[in-house]
């Protein structure tokens, strides 16, 4: 089963949100799961496209509940084993450059980023690829935490914020994903 993380900044530009929804829909049509986090912007765009092929990781009960869920596959913190939660919390300390300065809310978001990349199973398995957007491809914000974790596990990352206009085309993103996921052309 192939799986990608579909994440990014809340302030992702509208044209990229439209592309992310198309990527999510294509993933669904190909049987590729999308892990996301139900945040405004990129997360919700991927969820809208992938629908029931999305696994939504919530940072806490009630987060963004005013936004429509497009998938029944919602993982709450109470659904996560103590072992997986401990691994996720340690990953924040290991990969975030200022972990000790994070508020409890920000720490919860970073823990959620771990689940988006590594999942919550007893044996963690990283996603096969990450598609995201950060401002100017900077790898900043909470998405930066997901990128750092993906890089640490040699997971390919396509940041749509980088100045690569060829990747603002759905066909090129599909080709990249097929290549990275080892799918036939």
Protein backbone atom coordinates (compact mmCIF):
# COMPACT_ATOMS: atom_id res chain seq x y z
CA UNK A 1 0.00 0.00 0.00
CA UNK A 2 1.48 3.32 -1.08
CA UNK A 3 1.03 6.37 1.11
CA UNK A 4 2.05 10.02 0.87
CA UNK A 5 1.87 12.90 3.31
CA UNK A 6 -0.12 15.82 1.94
CA UNK A 7 0.74 18.79 4.14
CA UNK A 8 1.68 22.43 4.00
CA UNK A 9 1.16 25.93 5.22
CA UNK A 10 -2.24 27.30 6.15
CA UNK A 11 -1.56 30.25 3.82
CA UNK A 12 -0.89 28.13 0.73
CA UNK A 13 -1.85 30.10 -2.42
CA UNK A 14 -5.19 29.26 -4.02
CA UNK A 15 -3.66 27.92 -7.26
CA UNK A 16 -1.55 25.46 -5.22
CA UNK A 17 -4.58 24.47 -3.10
CA UNK A 18 -6.42 23.62 -6.32
CA UNK A 19 -3.41 21.55 -7.42
CA UNK A 20 -3.28 19.79 -4.03
CA UNK A 21 -6.95 18.85 -4.29
CA UNK A 22 -6.26 17.42 -7.77
CA UNK A 23 -3.24 15.51 -6.40
CA UNK A 24 -5.39 14.09 -3.60
CA UNK A 25 -8.07 13.00 -6.10
CA UNK A 26 -5.44 11.39 -8.33
CA UNK A 27 -3.98 9.55 -5.31
CA UNK A 28 -7.44 8.24 -4.45
CA UNK A 29 -7.95 7.06 -8.04
CA UNK A 30 -4.61 5.23 -7.88
CA UNK A 31 -5.28 3.64 -4.48
CA UNK A 32 -2.60 5.78 -2.81
CA UNK A 33 -3.38 6.84 0.76
CA UNK A 34 -2.82 10.42 1.92
CA UNK A 35 -1.87 11.26 5.50
CA UNK A 36 -2.86 14.75 6.58
CA UNK A 37 -3.69 16.85 9.60
CA UNK A 38 -6.97 18.72 8.98
CA UNK A 39 -5.37 22.17 9.20
CA UNK A 40 -6.68 24.99 7.05
CA UNK A 41 -5.00 25.39 3.70
CA UNK A 42 -2.92 22.53 2.31
CA UNK A 43 -4.15 19.77 4.64
CA UNK A 44 -7.82 20.39 3.88
CA UNK A 45 -7.10 20.66 0.14
CA UNK A 46 -5.47 17.22 0.09
CA UNK A 47 -8.28 15.78 2.24
CA UNK A 48 -10.92 17.20 -0.08
CA UNK A 49 -9.33 15.46 -3.06
CA UNK A 50 -8.40 12.15 -1.45
CA UNK A 51 -11.67 11.84 0.51
CA UNK A 52 -11.91 8.38 2.11
CA UNK A 53 -8.31 7.63 1.10
CA UNK A 54 -7.12 10.16 3.68
CA UNK A 55 -5.91 9.31 7.17
CA UNK A 56 -6.43 12.43 9.27
CA UNK A 57 -4.24 12.87 12.36
CA UNK A 58 -5.70 15.32 14.85
CA UNK A 59 -3.40 17.19 17.27
CA UNK A 60 -6.18 17.24 19.91
CA UNK A 61 -9.91 16.64 20.22
CA UNK A 62 -11.92 19.49 18.78
CA UNK A 63 -9.19 20.83 16.48
CA UNK A 64 -10.79 22.45 13.43
CA UNK A 65 -14.05 20.54 13.99
CA UNK A 66 -15.88 23.40 12.34
CA UNK A 67 -14.29 22.23 9.06
CA UNK A 68 -15.89 19.38 7.14
CA UNK A 69 -14.15 16.02 7.40
CA UNK A 70 -13.81 14.43 3.97
CA UNK A 71 -12.67 11.11 5.41
CA UNK A 72 -13.99 8.80 8.12
CA UNK A 73 -10.38 7.82 8.93
CA UNK A 74 -9.70 10.24 11.78
CA UNK A 75 -7.04 9.38 14.36
CA UNK A 76 -7.41 11.17 17.67
CA UNK A 77 -4.57 11.41 20.22
CA UNK A 78 -6.54 9.01 22.45
CA UNK A 79 -6.35 6.41 19.62
CA UNK A 80 -2.54 6.40 19.69
CA UNK A 81 -0.62 3.91 21.82
CA UNK A 82 1.59 5.25 24.60
CA UNK A 83 4.61 3.81 22.77
CA UNK A 84 3.80 5.68 19.53
CA UNK A 85 3.05 8.89 21.45
CA UNK A 86 6.40 8.67 23.24
CA UNK A 87 8.20 8.14 19.90
CA UNK A 88 6.40 11.14 18.42
CA UNK A 89 7.27 13.37 21.39
CA UNK A 90 10.91 12.29 21.21
CA UNK A 91 10.99 13.07 17.48
CA UNK A 92 10.03 16.66 18.27
CA UNK A 93 12.98 16.90 20.64
CA UNK A 94 15.28 15.23 18.08
CA UNK A 95 14.30 17.16 14.94
CA UNK A 96 12.87 20.53 15.94
CA UNK A 97 15.56 23.23 16.20
CA UNK A 98 13.81 24.96 19.12
CA UNK A 99 11.83 22.15 20.75
CA UNK A 100 12.35 23.49 24.26
CA UNK A 101 10.76 26.81 23.28
CA UNK A 102 7.57 25.36 21.81
CA UNK A 103 4.28 26.09 23.55
CA UNK A 104 2.16 23.06 24.42
CA UNK A 105 -0.08 23.87 21.41
CA UNK A 106 2.89 24.06 19.01
CA UNK A 107 4.33 20.87 20.52
CA UNK A 108 0.99 19.15 19.80
CA UNK A 109 1.20 20.24 16.18
CA UNK A 110 4.75 18.90 15.90
CA UNK A 111 3.68 15.55 17.40
CA UNK A 112 0.93 15.41 14.79
CA UNK A 113 3.55 16.04 12.08
CA UNK A 114 5.35 12.90 13.26
CA UNK A 115 2.19 10.84 12.76
CA UNK A 116 1.70 12.31 9.28
CA UNK A 117 5.16 11.09 8.30
CA UNK A 118 5.61 7.93 10.41
CA UNK A 119 2.06 6.83 11.25
CA UNK A 120 0.95 5.40 14.59
CA UNK A 121 1.57 1.68 14.16
CA UNK A 122 3.77 -0.21 16.66
CA UNK A 123 6.40 -0.49 13.92
CA UNK A 124 6.69 3.03 12.46
CA UNK A 125 6.84 3.22 8.67
CA UNK A 126 7.45 6.50 6.89
CA UNK A 127 5.26 7.58 4.02
CA UNK A 128 6.59 6.88 0.55
CA UNK A 129 6.74 10.59 -0.34
CA UNK A 130 5.76 14.03 0.92
CA UNK A 131 4.03 16.66 -1.20
CA UNK A 132 3.80 20.02 0.53
CA UNK A 133 4.00 23.78 0.18
CA UNK A 134 6.13 26.16 2.23
CA UNK A 135 6.73 29.85 1.42
CA UNK A 136 9.39 30.07 -1.31
CA UNK A 137 10.21 26.41 -0.65
CA UNK A 138 11.83 27.45 2.62
CA UNK A 139 10.86 24.35 4.59
CA UNK A 140 9.65 26.62 7.38
CA UNK A 141 6.91 26.35 9.96
CA UNK A 142 5.29 23.15 11.09
CA UNK A 143 5.68 21.72 7.61
CA UNK A 144 9.42 22.14 8.10
CA UNK A 145 9.24 19.65 10.97
CA UNK A 146 7.55 17.14 8.65
CA UNK A 147 10.23 17.78 6.01
CA UNK A 148 13.09 17.32 8.51
CA UNK A 149 11.60 14.03 9.67
CA UNK A 150 11.05 12.86 6.07
CA UNK A 151 14.64 13.78 5.18
CA UNK A 152 15.93 11.85 8.20
CA UNK A 153 14.17 8.75 6.82
CA UNK A 154 15.25 9.30 3.19
CA UNK A 155 11.69 10.02 2.15
CA UNK A 156 11.42 12.11 -1.03
CA UNK A 157 9.86 15.56 -0.59
CA UNK A 158 8.27 17.72 -3.27
CA UNK A 159 7.85 21.25 -1.91
CA UNK A 160 5.55 23.06 -4.33
CA UNK A 161 6.76 26.38 -2.90
CA UNK A 162 10.16 25.99 -4.56
CA UNK A 163 10.62 27.92 -7.80
CA UNK A 164 9.91 24.92 -10.03
CA UNK A 165 6.92 25.96 -12.16
CA UNK A 166 6.91 22.59 -13.93
CA UNK A 167 5.56 21.12 -10.68
CA UNK A 168 2.55 23.42 -10.73
CA UNK A 169 1.18 21.07 -13.38
CA UNK A 170 -0.75 17.98 -12.24
CA UNK A 171 0.76 15.74 -14.90
CA UNK A 172 4.31 16.52 -13.77
CA UNK A 173 3.41 15.89 -10.13
CA UNK A 174 1.78 12.59 -11.13
CA UNK A 175 4.93 11.58 -13.03
CA UNK A 176 7.11 12.49 -10.04
CA UNK A 177 4.91 10.49 -7.67
CA UNK A 178 4.83 7.49 -10.02
CA UNK A 179 8.63 7.58 -10.19
CA UNK A 180 9.12 8.00 -6.44
CA UNK A 181 6.50 5.36 -5.57
CA UNK A 182 7.80 2.88 -8.13
CA UNK A 183 4.54 2.79 -10.06
CA UNK A 184 4.51 1.87 -13.73
CA UNK A 185 4.36 4.81 -16.09
